Amino acid sequence: MKKIRPHHLILGFWVLLATAFGLSGVVSAITQQHDDSPVSREVFGNIPSAWKLLVYTFAVASLLYVGTQFSYRFRNWERGGPDRRPLTSRTPSAASATSAPGCTCRPCCATPPPG
């Protein structure tokens, strides 16, 4: 069996978060609890059940996507040290040759004001 690595914990956290969010939507739909307090608001008032399902499904899918992408990023961080990209005399010219012609970085104050 493989060892549990930190990116597995990150993914597990996001899956747990998405599951809790999805279950909160399911439980609220099943129990139909309402607050009788005079100071309250109606949650999802006059919204059809199909739209509620769509909102909760999209939210859970979004949380799972974000968690997956963050675990990929965390896996990259686990790999270790910085990239070896030595700065040579060729490196700056190669980078500037690949950029679009006419694109230069100038401070905003270097251009004359309009008018």
PDB file of N, CA and C in Angstrom:
ATOM      1  N   MET A   1       0.841  -1.184   0.000  1.00  0.00           N
ATOM      2  CA  MET A   1       0.000   0.000   0.000  1.00  0.00           C
ATOM      3  C   MET A   1       0.881   1.240   0.000  1.00  0.00           C
ATOM      4  N   LYS A   2       0.466   2.225  -0.792  1.00  0.00           N
ATOM      5  CA  LYS A   2       1.245   3.451  -0.880  1.00  0.00           C
ATOM      6  C   LYS A   2       1.056   4.311   0.362  1.00  0.00           C
ATOM      7  N   LYS A   3       2.072   5.085   0.635  1.00  0.00           N
ATOM      8  CA  LYS A   3       2.051   5.980   1.775  1.00  0.00           C
ATOM      9  C   LYS A   3       1.146   7.195   1.491  1.00  0.00           C
ATOM     10  N   ILE A   4       0.429   7.641   2.492  1.00  0.00           N
ATOM     11  CA  ILE A   4      -0.417   8.839   2.345  1.00  0.00           C
ATOM     12  C   ILE A   4       0.494  10.054   2.316  1.00  0.00           C
ATOM     13  N   ARG A   5       0.369  10.819   1.253  1.00  0.00           N
ATOM     14  CA  ARG A   5       1.193  12.006   1.089  1.00  0.00           C
ATOM     15  C   ARG A   5       0.349  13.249   1.342  1.00  0.00           C
ATOM     16  N   PRO A   6       1.006  14.402   1.536  1.00  0.00           N
ATOM     17  CA  PRO A   6       0.250  15.618   1.860  1.00  0.00           C
ATOM     18  C   PRO A   6      -0.811  16.001   0.836  1.00  0.00           C
ATOM     19  N   HIS A   7      -0.569  15.761  -0.452  1.00  0.00           N
ATOM     20  CA  HIS A   7      -1.604  16.153  -1.418  1.00  0.00           C
ATOM     21  C   HIS A   7      -2.843  15.271  -1.287  1.00  0.00           C
ATOM     22  N   HIS A   8      -2.694  14.068  -0.749  1.00  0.00           N
ATOM     23  CA  HIS A   8      -3.866  13.232  -0.474  1.00  0.00           C
ATOM     24  C   HIS A   8      -4.714  13.848   0.634  1.00  0.00           C
ATOM     25  N   LEU A   9      -4.048  14.411   1.644  1.00  0.00           N
ATOM     26  CA  LEU A   9      -4.781  15.061   2.739  1.00  0.00           C
ATOM     27  C   LEU A   9      -5.535  16.287   2.242  1.00  0.00           C
ATOM     28  N   ILE A  10      -4.896  17.046   1.356  1.00  0.00           N
ATOM     29  CA  ILE A  10      -5.551  18.231   0.787  1.00  0.00           C
ATOM     30  C   ILE A  10      -6.797  17.809  -0.004  1.00  0.00           C
ATOM     31  N   LEU A  11      -6.654  16.788  -0.834  1.00  0.00           N
ATOM     32  CA  LEU A  11      -7.792  16.313  -1.617  1.00  0.00           C
ATOM     33  C   LEU A  11      -8.885  15.770  -0.706  1.00  0.00           C
ATOM     34  N   GLY A  12      -8.493  15.036   0.344  1.00  0.00           N
ATOM     35  CA  GLY A  12      -9.472  14.521   1.302  1.00  0.00           C
ATOM     36  C   GLY A  12     -10.242  15.622   2.002  1.00  0.00           C
ATOM     37  N   PHE A  13      -9.549  16.714   2.346  1.00  0.00           N
ATOM     38  CA  PHE A  13     -10.216  17.847   2.982  1.00  0.00           C
ATOM     39  C   PHE A  13     -11.288  18.430   2.059  1.00  0.00           C
ATOM     40  N   TRP A  14     -10.944  18.624   0.783  1.00  0.00           N
ATOM     41  CA  TRP A  14     -11.898  19.210  -0.153  1.00  0.00           C
ATOM     42  C   TRP A  14     -13.060  18.269  -0.454  1.00  0.00           C
ATOM     43  N   VAL A  15     -12.789  16.968  -0.504  1.00  0.00           N
ATOM     44  CA  VAL A  15     -13.877  16.005  -0.704  1.00  0.00           C
ATOM     45  C   VAL A  15     -14.804  16.022   0.503  1.00  0.00           C
ATOM     46  N   LEU A  16     -14.229  16.095   1.700  1.00  0.00           N
ATOM     47  CA  LEU A  16     -15.032  16.179   2.922  1.00  0.00           C
ATOM     48  C   LEU A  16     -15.878  17.454   2.932  1.00  0.00           C
ATOM     49  N   LEU A  17     -15.286  18.559   2.513  1.00  0.00           N
ATOM     50  CA  LEU A  17     -16.009  19.830   2.459  1.00  0.00           C
ATOM     51  C   LEU A  17     -17.162  19.757   1.453  1.00  0.00           C
ATOM     52  N   ALA A  18     -16.901  19.194   0.280  1.00  0.00           N
ATOM     53  CA  ALA A  18     -17.956  19.063  -0.736  1.00  0.00           C
ATOM     54  C   ALA A  18     -19.058  18.125  -0.259  1.00  0.00           C
ATOM     55  N   THR A  19     -18.679  17.050   0.417  1.00  0.00           N
ATOM     56  CA  THR A  19     -19.677  16.112   0.941  1.00  0.00           C
ATOM     57  C   THR A  19     -20.550  16.778   1.995  1.00  0.00           C
ATOM     58  N   ALA A  20     -19.929  17.528   2.896  1.00  0.00           N
ATOM     59  CA  ALA A  20     -20.695  18.223   3.940  1.00  0.00           C
ATOM     60  C   ALA A  20     -21.655  19.235   3.315  1.00  0.00           C
ATOM     61  N   PHE A  21     -21.194  19.952   2.296  1.00  0.00           N
ATOM     62  CA  PHE A  21     -22.050  20.937   1.645  1.00  0.00           C
ATOM     63  C   PHE A  21     -23.216  20.251   0.934  1.00  0.00           C
ATOM     64  N   GLY A  22     -22.925  19.154   0.229  1.00  0.00           N
ATOM     65  CA  GLY A  22     -23.993  18.421  -0.463  1.00  0.00           C
ATOM     66  C   GLY A  22     -24.994  17.830   0.503  1.00  0.00           C
ATOM     67  N   LEU A  23     -24.500  17.265   1.609  1.00  0.00           N
ATOM     68  CA  LEU A  23     -25.412  16.692   2.602  1.00  0.00           C
ATOM     69  C   LEU A  23     -26.261  17.763   3.270  1.00  0.00           C
ATOM     70  N   SER A  24     -25.710  18.965   3.435  1.00  0.00           N
ATOM     71  CA  SER A  24     -26.520  20.032   4.036  1.00  0.00           C
ATOM     72  C   SER A  24     -27.709  20.369   3.138  1.00  0.00           C
ATOM     73  N   GLY A  25     -27.504  20.339   1.825  1.00  0.00           N
ATOM     74  CA  GLY A  25     -28.610  20.580   0.906  1.00  0.00           C
ATOM     75  C   GLY A  25     -29.633  19.462   0.931  1.00  0.00           C
ATOM     76  N   VAL A  26     -29.157  18.218   1.012  1.00  0.00           N
ATOM     77  CA  VAL A  26     -30.072  17.067   1.041  1.00  0.00           C
ATOM     78  C   VAL A  26     -30.870  17.056   2.343  1.00  0.00           C
ATOM     79  N   VAL A  27     -30.189  17.268   3.457  1.00  0.00           N
ATOM     80  CA  VAL A  27     -30.863  17.245   4.758  1.00  0.00           C
ATOM     81  C   VAL A  27     -31.886  18.376   4.856  1.00  0.00           C
ATOM     82  N   SER A  28     -31.533  19.558   4.369  1.00  0.00           N
ATOM     83  CA  SER A  28     -32.493  20.667   4.433  1.00  0.00           C
ATOM     84  C   SER A  28     -33.705  20.408   3.549  1.00  0.00           C
ATOM     85  N   ALA A  29     -33.517  19.706   2.440  1.00  0.00           N
ATOM     86  CA  ALA A  29     -34.662  19.380   1.570  1.00  0.00           C
ATOM     87  C   ALA A  29     -35.550  18.318   2.200  1.00  0.00           C
ATOM     88  N   ILE A  30     -34.956  17.385   2.931  1.00  0.00           N
ATOM     89  CA  ILE A  30     -35.734  16.304   3.540  1.00  0.00           C
ATOM     90  C   ILE A  30     -36.481  16.782   4.779  1.00  0.00           C
ATOM     91  N   THR A  31     -35.811  17.513   5.660  1.00  0.00           N
ATOM     92  CA  THR A  31     -36.414  17.875   6.943  1.00  0.00           C
ATOM     93  C   THR A  31     -37.386  19.046   6.849  1.00  0.00           C
ATOM     94  N   GLN A  32     -37.208  19.932   5.891  1.00  0.00           N
ATOM     95  CA  GLN A  32     -38.085  21.101   5.718  1.00  0.00           C
ATOM     96  C   GLN A  32     -38.252  21.901   7.015  1.00  0.00           C
ATOM     97  N   GLN A  33     -37.163  22.137   7.714  1.00  0.00           N
ATOM     98  CA  GLN A  33     -37.235  22.917   8.949  1.00  0.00           C
ATOM     99  C   GLN A  33     -37.322  24.404   8.615  1.00  0.00           C
ATOM    100  N   HIS A  34     -38.152  25.102   9.355  1.00  0.00           N
ATOM    101  CA  HIS A  34     -38.331  26.532   9.151  1.00  0.00           C
ATOM    102  C   HIS A  34     -38.250  27.230  10.494  1.00  0.00           C
ATOM    103  N   ASP A  35     -37.756  28.447  10.460  1.00  0.00           N
ATOM    104  CA  ASP A  35     -37.609  29.245  11.669  1.00  0.00           C
ATOM    105  C   ASP A  35     -38.892  30.041  11.884  1.00  0.00           C
ATOM    106  N   ASP A  36     -39.434  30.008  13.105  1.00  0.00           N
ATOM    107  CA  ASP A  36     -40.656  30.742  13.423  1.00  0.00           C
ATOM    108  C   ASP A  36     -40.367  32.107  14.036  1.00  0.00           C
ATOM    109  N   SER A  37     -39.108  32.488  14.050  1.00  0.00           N
ATOM    110  CA  SER A  37     -38.730  33.773  14.631  1.00  0.00           C
ATOM    111  C   SER A  37     -39.285  34.923  13.785  1.00  0.00           C
ATOM    112  N   PRO A  38     -39.687  36.038  14.428  1.00  0.00           N
ATOM    113  CA  PRO A  38     -40.199  37.170  13.642  1.00  0.00           C
ATOM    114  C   PRO A  38     -39.103  37.841  12.802  1.00  0.00           C
ATOM    115  N   VAL A  39     -37.850  37.681  13.221  1.00  0.00           N
ATOM    116  CA  VAL A  39     -36.737  38.253  12.463  1.00  0.00           C
ATOM    117  C   VAL A  39     -36.013  37.097  11.774  1.00  0.00           C
ATOM    118  N   SER A  40     -36.375  36.831  10.545  1.00  0.00           N
ATOM    119  CA  SER A  40     -35.744  35.758   9.788  1.00  0.00           C
ATOM    120  C   SER A  40     -35.966  36.017   8.307  1.00  0.00           C
ATOM    121  N   ARG A  41     -35.375  35.195   7.493  1.00  0.00           N
ATOM    122  CA  ARG A  41     -35.599  35.299   6.050  1.00  0.00           C
ATOM    123  C   ARG A  41     -35.862  33.909   5.506  1.00  0.00           C
ATOM    124  N   GLU A  42     -36.603  33.855   4.453  1.00  0.00           N
ATOM    125  CA  GLU A  42     -36.908  32.576   3.826  1.00  0.00           C
ATOM    126  C   GLU A  42     -35.771  32.212   2.879  1.00  0.00           C
ATOM    127  N   VAL A  43     -35.202  31.039   3.077  1.00  0.00           N
ATOM    128  CA  VAL A  43     -34.100  30.576   2.236  1.00  0.00           C
ATOM    129  C   VAL A  43     -34.684  29.898   1.006  1.00  0.00           C
ATOM    130  N   PHE A  44     -34.215  30.253  -0.152  1.00  0.00           N
ATOM    131  CA  PHE A  44     -34.715  29.726  -1.424  1.00  0.00           C
ATOM    132  C   PHE A  44     -36.225  29.908  -1.542  1.00  0.00           C
ATOM    133  N   GLY A  45     -36.722  31.076  -1.222  1.00  0.00           N
ATOM    134  CA  GLY A  45     -38.155  31.326  -1.308  1.00  0.00           C
ATOM    135  C   GLY A  45     -38.642  31.329  -2.748  1.00  0.00           C
ATOM    136  N   ASN A  46     -39.688  30.577  -3.028  1.00  0.00           N
ATOM    137  CA  ASN A  46     -40.319  30.471  -4.347  1.00  0.00           C
ATOM    138  C   ASN A  46     -39.355  30.004  -5.439  1.00  0.00           C
ATOM    139  N   ILE A  47     -38.357  29.217  -5.070  1.00  0.00           N
ATOM    140  CA  ILE A  47     -37.416  28.646  -6.037  1.00  0.00           C
ATOM    141  C   ILE A  47     -37.794  27.178  -6.247  1.00  0.00           C
ATOM    142  N   PRO A  48     -37.980  26.740  -7.478  1.00  0.00           N
ATOM    143  CA  PRO A  48     -38.343  25.339  -7.726  1.00  0.00           C
ATOM    144  C   PRO A  48     -37.245  24.376  -7.252  1.00  0.00           C
ATOM    145  N   SER A  49     -37.651  23.182  -6.911  1.00  0.00           N
ATOM    146  CA  SER A  49     -36.714  22.175  -6.400  1.00  0.00           C
ATOM    147  C   SER A  49     -35.636  21.826  -7.417  1.00  0.00           C
ATOM    148  N   ALA A  50     -35.963  21.840  -8.691  1.00  0.00           N
ATOM    149  CA  ALA A  50     -34.975  21.528  -9.724  1.00  0.00           C
ATOM    150  C   ALA A  50     -33.828  22.546  -9.704  1.00  0.00           C
ATOM    151  N   TRP A  51     -34.149  23.816  -9.474  1.00  0.00           N
ATOM    152  CA  TRP A  51     -33.107  24.845  -9.409  1.00  0.00           C
ATOM    153  C   TRP A  51     -32.250  24.682  -8.158  1.00  0.00           C
ATOM    154  N   LYS A  52     -32.893  24.305  -7.061  1.00  0.00           N
ATOM    155  CA  LYS A  52     -32.132  24.061  -5.827  1.00  0.00           C
ATOM    156  C   LYS A  52     -31.142  22.920  -6.043  1.00  0.00           C
ATOM    157  N   LEU A  53     -31.615  21.855  -6.690  1.00  0.00           N
ATOM    158  CA  LEU A  53     -30.749  20.720  -6.987  1.00  0.00           C
ATOM    159  C   LEU A  53     -29.590  21.150  -7.878  1.00  0.00           C
ATOM    160  N   LEU A  54     -29.890  21.975  -8.867  1.00  0.00           N
ATOM    161  CA  LEU A  54     -28.857  22.467  -9.765  1.00  0.00           C
ATOM    162  C   LEU A  54     -27.811  23.298  -9.013  1.00  0.00           C
ATOM    163  N   VAL A  55     -28.255  24.159  -8.106  1.00  0.00           N
ATOM    164  CA  VAL A  55     -27.331  24.993  -7.332  1.00  0.00           C
ATOM    165  C   VAL A  55     -26.421  24.128  -6.473  1.00  0.00           C
ATOM    166  N   TYR A  56     -26.998  23.186  -5.748  1.00  0.00           N
ATOM    167  CA  TYR A  56     -26.183  22.346  -4.869  1.00  0.00           C
ATOM    168  C   TYR A  56     -25.261  21.424  -5.678  1.00  0.00           C
ATOM    169  N   THR A  57     -25.725  20.907  -6.807  1.00  0.00           N
ATOM    170  CA  THR A  57     -24.882  20.054  -7.642  1.00  0.00           C
ATOM    171  C   THR A  57     -23.707  20.839  -8.206  1.00  0.00           C
ATOM    172  N   PHE A  58     -23.971  22.042  -8.681  1.00  0.00           N
ATOM    173  CA  PHE A  58     -22.905  22.880  -9.225  1.00  0.00           C
ATOM    174  C   PHE A  58     -21.907  23.267  -8.132  1.00  0.00           C
ATOM    175  N   ALA A  59     -22.398  23.573  -6.949  1.00  0.00           N
ATOM    176  CA  ALA A  59     -21.506  23.947  -5.854  1.00  0.00           C
ATOM    177  C   ALA A  59     -20.612  22.781  -5.444  1.00  0.00           C
ATOM    178  N   VAL A  60     -21.187  21.589  -5.347  1.00  0.00           N
ATOM    179  CA  VAL A  60     -20.387  20.412  -4.985  1.00  0.00           C
ATOM    180  C   VAL A  60     -19.369  20.112  -6.079  1.00  0.00           C
ATOM    181  N   ALA A  61     -19.777  20.186  -7.338  1.00  0.00           N
ATOM    182  CA  ALA A  61     -18.845  19.937  -8.439  1.00  0.00           C
ATOM    183  C   ALA A  61     -17.724  20.972  -8.452  1.00  0.00           C
ATOM    184  N   SER A  62     -18.055  22.218  -8.156  1.00  0.00           N
ATOM    185  CA  SER A  62     -17.038  23.271  -8.106  1.00  0.00           C
ATOM    186  C   SER A  62     -16.044  23.027  -6.979  1.00  0.00           C
ATOM    187  N   LEU A  63     -16.544  22.642  -5.817  1.00  0.00           N
ATOM    188  CA  LEU A  63     -15.643  22.355  -4.702  1.00  0.00           C
ATOM    189  C   LEU A  63     -14.728  21.176  -5.020  1.00  0.00           C
ATOM    190  N   LEU A  64     -15.264  20.145  -5.658  1.00  0.00           N
ATOM    191  CA  LEU A  64     -14.436  18.993  -6.029  1.00  0.00           C
ATOM    192  C   LEU A  64     -13.386  19.386  -7.074  1.00  0.00           C
ATOM    193  N   TYR A  65     -13.759  20.230  -8.017  1.00  0.00           N
ATOM    194  CA  TYR A  65     -12.803  20.685  -9.030  1.00  0.00           C
ATOM    195  C   TYR A  65     -11.685  21.509  -8.402  1.00  0.00           C
ATOM    196  N   VAL A  66     -12.056  22.446  -7.551  1.00  0.00           N
ATOM    197  CA  VAL A  66     -11.047  23.286  -6.881  1.00  0.00           C
ATOM    198  C   VAL A  66     -10.126  22.429  -6.033  1.00  0.00           C
ATOM    199  N   GLY A  67     -10.692  21.471  -5.314  1.00  0.00           N
ATOM    200  CA  GLY A  67      -9.871  20.596  -4.481  1.00  0.00           C
ATOM    201  C   GLY A  67      -8.913  19.759  -5.293  1.00  0.00           C
ATOM    202  N   THR A  68      -9.378  19.253  -6.425  1.00  0.00           N
ATOM    203  CA  THR A  68      -8.509  18.459  -7.294  1.00  0.00           C
ATOM    204  C   THR A  68      -7.368  19.307  -7.845  1.00  0.00           C
ATOM    205  N   GLN A  69      -7.696  20.487  -8.320  1.00  0.00           N
ATOM    206  CA  GLN A  69      -6.660  21.354  -8.878  1.00  0.00           C
ATOM    207  C   GLN A  69      -5.663  21.793  -7.806  1.00  0.00           C
ATOM    208  N   PHE A  70      -6.145  22.079  -6.610  1.00  0.00           N
ATOM    209  CA  PHE A  70      -5.238  22.478  -5.539  1.00  0.00           C
ATOM    210  C   PHE A  70      -4.358  21.309  -5.118  1.00  0.00           C
ATOM    211  N   SER A  71      -4.893  20.080  -5.138  1.00  0.00           N
ATOM    212  CA  SER A  71      -4.055  18.936  -4.786  1.00  0.00           C
ATOM    213  C   SER A  71      -2.978  18.716  -5.852  1.00  0.00           C
ATOM    214  N   TYR A  72      -3.286  18.986  -7.126  1.00  0.00           N
ATOM    215  CA  TYR A  72      -2.263  18.911  -8.170  1.00  0.00           C
ATOM    216  C   TYR A  72      -1.168  19.941  -7.912  1.00  0.00           C
ATOM    217  N   ARG A  73      -1.589  21.142  -7.532  1.00  0.00           N
ATOM    218  CA  ARG A  73      -0.616  22.190  -7.238  1.00  0.00           C
ATOM    219  C   ARG A  73       0.231  21.801  -6.029  1.00  0.00           C
ATOM    220  N   PHE A  74      -0.399  21.225  -5.035  1.00  0.00           N
ATOM    221  CA  PHE A  74       0.324  20.810  -3.831  1.00  0.00           C
ATOM    222  C   PHE A  74       1.299  19.682  -4.171  1.00  0.00           C
ATOM    223  N   ARG A  75       0.919  18.790  -5.083  1.00  0.00           N
ATOM    224  CA  ARG A  75       1.820  17.718  -5.506  1.00  0.00           C
ATOM    225  C   ARG A  75       3.065  18.304  -6.166  1.00  0.00           C
ATOM    226  N   ASN A  76       2.892  19.370  -6.939  1.00  0.00           N
ATOM    227  CA  ASN A  76       4.050  20.042  -7.526  1.00  0.00           C
ATOM    228  C   ASN A  76       4.944  20.636  -6.449  1.00  0.00           C
ATOM    229  N   TRP A  77       4.358  21.199  -5.394  1.00  0.00           N
ATOM    230  CA  TRP A  77       5.155  21.763  -4.303  1.00  0.00           C
ATOM    231  C   TRP A  77       5.925  20.669  -3.576  1.00  0.00           C
ATOM    232  N   GLU A  78       5.357  19.447  -3.520  1.00  0.00           N
ATOM    233  CA  GLU A  78       6.031  18.345  -2.838  1.00  0.00           C
ATOM    234  C   GLU A  78       7.311  17.924  -3.540  1.00  0.00           C
ATOM    235  N   ARG A  79       7.404  18.201  -4.804  1.00  0.00           N
ATOM    236  CA  ARG A  79       8.554  17.728  -5.570  1.00  0.00           C
ATOM    237  C   ARG A  79       9.856  18.357  -5.100  1.00  0.00           C
ATOM    238  N   GLY A  80       9.805  19.518  -4.536  1.00  0.00           N
ATOM    239  CA  GLY A  80      11.030  20.055  -3.972  1.00  0.00           C
ATOM    240  C   GLY A  80      11.459  21.378  -4.552  1.00  0.00           C
ATOM    241  N   GLY A  81      12.781  21.521  -4.649  1.00  0.00           N
ATOM    242  CA  GLY A  81      13.464  22.778  -4.907  1.00  0.00           C
ATOM    243  C   GLY A  81      13.034  23.555  -6.128  1.00  0.00           C
ATOM    244  N   PRO A  82      13.624  24.703  -6.278  1.00  0.00           N
ATOM    245  CA  PRO A  82      13.266  25.578  -7.392  1.00  0.00           C
ATOM    246  C   PRO A  82      13.800  25.026  -8.720  1.00  0.00           C
ATOM    247  N   ASP A  83      13.224  25.507  -9.799  1.00  0.00           N
ATOM    248  CA  ASP A  83      13.707  25.115 -11.121  1.00  0.00           C
ATOM    249  C   ASP A  83      15.113  25.638 -11.331  1.00  0.00           C
ATOM    250  N   ARG A  84      15.894  24.887 -12.090  1.00  0.00           N
ATOM    251  CA  ARG A  84      17.233  25.354 -12.441  1.00  0.00           C
ATOM    252  C   ARG A  84      17.127  26.113 -13.746  1.00  0.00           C
ATOM    253  N   ARG A  85      17.059  27.394 -13.642  1.00  0.00           N
ATOM    254  CA  ARG A  85      16.984  28.251 -14.820  1.00  0.00           C
ATOM    255  C   ARG A  85      18.082  29.301 -14.706  1.00  0.00           C
ATOM    256  N   PRO A  86      19.282  28.937 -15.099  1.00  0.00           N
ATOM    257  CA  PRO A  86      20.380  29.893 -14.951  1.00  0.00           C
ATOM    258  C   PRO A  86      20.187  31.090 -15.872  1.00  0.00           C
ATOM    259  N   LEU A  87      20.563  32.232 -15.405  1.00  0.00           N
ATOM    260  CA  LEU A  87      20.472  33.446 -16.198  1.00  0.00           C
ATOM    261  C   LEU A  87      21.762  33.565 -16.990  1.00  0.00           C
ATOM    262  N   THR A  88      21.658  33.393 -18.278  1.00  0.00           N
ATOM    263  CA  THR A  88      22.819  33.495 -19.155  1.00  0.00           C
ATOM    264  C   THR A  88      22.609  34.672 -20.087  1.00  0.00           C
ATOM    265  N   SER A  89      23.587  34.922 -20.890  1.00  0.00           N
ATOM    266  CA  SER A  89      23.454  36.035 -21.833  1.00  0.00           C
ATOM    267  C   SER A  89      22.400  35.729 -22.897  1.00  0.00           C
ATOM    268  N   ARG A  90      22.115  34.441 -23.148  1.00  0.00           N
ATOM    269  CA  ARG A  90      21.128  34.046 -24.136  1.00  0.00           C
ATOM    270  C   ARG A  90      19.706  34.098 -23.578  1.00  0.00           C
ATOM    271  N   THR A  91      19.516  33.899 -22.303  1.00  0.00           N
ATOM    272  CA  THR A  91      18.194  33.773 -21.711  1.00  0.00           C
ATOM    273  C   THR A  91      17.327  35.028 -21.888  1.00  0.00           C
ATOM    274  N   PRO A  92      17.801  36.236 -21.555  1.00  0.00           N
ATOM    275  CA  PRO A  92      16.914  37.402 -21.736  1.00  0.00           C
ATOM    276  C   PRO A  92      16.537  37.650 -23.189  1.00  0.00           C
ATOM    277  N   SER A  93      17.459  37.440 -24.123  1.00  0.00           N
ATOM    278  CA  SER A  93      17.117  37.687 -25.521  1.00  0.00           C
ATOM    279  C   SER A  93      16.123  36.656 -26.040  1.00  0.00           C
ATOM    280  N   ALA A  94      16.221  35.411 -25.572  1.00  0.00           N
ATOM    281  CA  ALA A  94      15.272  34.383 -25.990  1.00  0.00           C
ATOM    282  C   ALA A  94      13.881  34.694 -25.466  1.00  0.00           C
ATOM    283  N   ALA A  95      13.808  35.209 -24.258  1.00  0.00           N
ATOM    284  CA  ALA A  95      12.506  35.557 -23.690  1.00  0.00           C
ATOM    285  C   ALA A  95      11.895  36.741 -24.420  1.00  0.00           C
ATOM    286  N   SER A  96      12.697  37.718 -24.778  1.00  0.00           N
ATOM    287  CA  SER A  96      12.146  38.891 -25.457  1.00  0.00           C
ATOM    288  C   SER A  96      11.782  38.568 -26.901  1.00  0.00           C
ATOM    289  N   ALA A  97      12.444  37.578 -27.504  1.00  0.00           N
ATOM    290  CA  ALA A  97      12.118  37.214 -28.879  1.00  0.00           C
ATOM    291  C   ALA A  97      10.778  36.503 -28.972  1.00  0.00           C
ATOM    292  N   THR A  98      10.397  35.825 -27.906  1.00  0.00           N
ATOM    293  CA  THR A  98       9.121  35.106 -27.942  1.00  0.00           C
ATOM    294  C   THR A  98       7.931  36.005 -27.629  1.00  0.00           C
ATOM    295  N   SER A  99       8.165  37.156 -27.055  1.00  0.00           N
ATOM    296  CA  SER A  99       7.041  38.042 -26.736  1.00  0.00           C
ATOM    297  C   SER A  99       6.552  38.716 -28.012  1.00  0.00           C
ATOM    298  N   ALA A 100       5.359  39.227 -27.962  1.00  0.00           N
ATOM    299  CA  ALA A 100       4.762  39.857 -29.127  1.00  0.00           C
ATOM    300  C   ALA A 100       5.519  41.127 -29.485  1.00  0.00           C
ATOM    301  N   PRO A 101       5.686  41.379 -30.783  1.00  0.00           N
ATOM    302  CA  PRO A 101       6.389  42.602 -31.171  1.00  0.00           C
ATOM    303  C   PRO A 101       5.594  43.833 -30.758  1.00  0.00           C
ATOM    304  N   GLY A 102       6.308  44.813 -30.306  1.00  0.00           N
ATOM    305  CA  GLY A 102       5.657  46.041 -29.879  1.00  0.00           C
ATOM    306  C   GLY A 102       5.226  46.029 -28.427  1.00  0.00           C
ATOM    307  N   CYS A 103       5.321  44.878 -27.757  1.00  0.00           N
ATOM    308  CA  CYS A 103       4.973  44.805 -26.338  1.00  0.00           C
ATOM    309  C   CYS A 103       6.196  45.137 -25.508  1.00  0.00           C
ATOM    310  N   THR A 104       6.140  46.226 -24.845  1.00  0.00           N
ATOM    311  CA  THR A 104       7.226  46.594 -23.949  1.00  0.00           C
ATOM    312  C   THR A 104       6.616  47.010 -22.627  1.00  0.00           C
ATOM    313  N   CYS A 105       7.372  46.851 -21.604  1.00  0.00           N
ATOM    314  CA  CYS A 105       6.897  47.258 -20.290  1.00  0.00           C
ATOM    315  C   CYS A 105       7.404  48.668 -20.012  1.00  0.00           C
ATOM    316  N   ARG A 106       6.495  49.586 -19.996  1.00  0.00           N
ATOM    317  CA  ARG A 106       6.829  50.960 -19.669  1.00  0.00           C
ATOM    318  C   ARG A 106       5.959  51.399 -18.509  1.00  0.00           C
ATOM    319  N   PRO A 107       6.507  52.172 -17.616  1.00  0.00           N
ATOM    320  CA  PRO A 107       5.662  52.666 -16.527  1.00  0.00           C
ATOM    321  C   PRO A 107       4.577  53.580 -17.072  1.00  0.00           C
ATOM    322  N   CYS A 108       3.500  53.628 -16.365  1.00  0.00           N
ATOM    323  CA  CYS A 108       2.356  54.451 -16.795  1.00  0.00           C
ATOM    324  C   CYS A 108       2.716  55.927 -16.914  1.00  0.00           C
ATOM    325  N   CYS A 109       3.605  56.380 -16.042  1.00  0.00           N
ATOM    326  CA  CYS A 109       3.932  57.806 -16.052  1.00  0.00           C
ATOM    327  C   CYS A 109       4.872  58.178 -17.198  1.00  0.00           C
ATOM    328  N   ALA A 110       5.425  57.207 -17.943  1.00  0.00           N
ATOM    329  CA  ALA A 110       6.331  57.503 -19.042  1.00  0.00           C
ATOM    330  C   ALA A 110       5.573  57.994 -20.279  1.00  0.00           C
ATOM    331  N   THR A 111       4.315  57.668 -20.388  1.00  0.00           N
ATOM    332  CA  THR A 111       3.540  58.129 -21.539  1.00  0.00           C
ATOM    333  C   THR A 111       2.952  59.502 -21.232  1.00  0.00           C
ATOM    334  N   PRO A 112       2.872  60.351 -22.224  1.00  0.00           N
ATOM    335  CA  PRO A 112       2.316  61.686 -21.977  1.00  0.00           C
ATOM    336  C   PRO A 112       0.819  61.598 -21.708  1.00  0.00           C
ATOM    337  N   PRO A 113       0.284  62.504 -20.937  1.00  0.00           N
ATOM    338  CA  PRO A 113      -1.148  62.482 -20.663  1.00  0.00           C
ATOM    339  C   PRO A 113      -1.945  62.787 -21.933  1.00  0.00           C
ATOM    340  N   PRO A 114      -3.155  62.272 -22.038  1.00  0.00           N
ATOM    341  CA  PRO A 114      -3.945  62.547 -23.240  1.00  0.00           C
ATOM    342  C   PRO A 114      -4.387  64.000 -23.303  1.00  0.00           C
ATOM    343  N   GLY A 115      -4.536  64.487 -24.531  1.00  0.00           N
ATOM    344  CA  GLY A 115      -5.084  65.815 -24.695  1.00  0.00           C
ATOM    345  C   GLY A 115      -4.172  66.816 -25.148  1.00  0.00           C
TER     346      GLY A 115
END
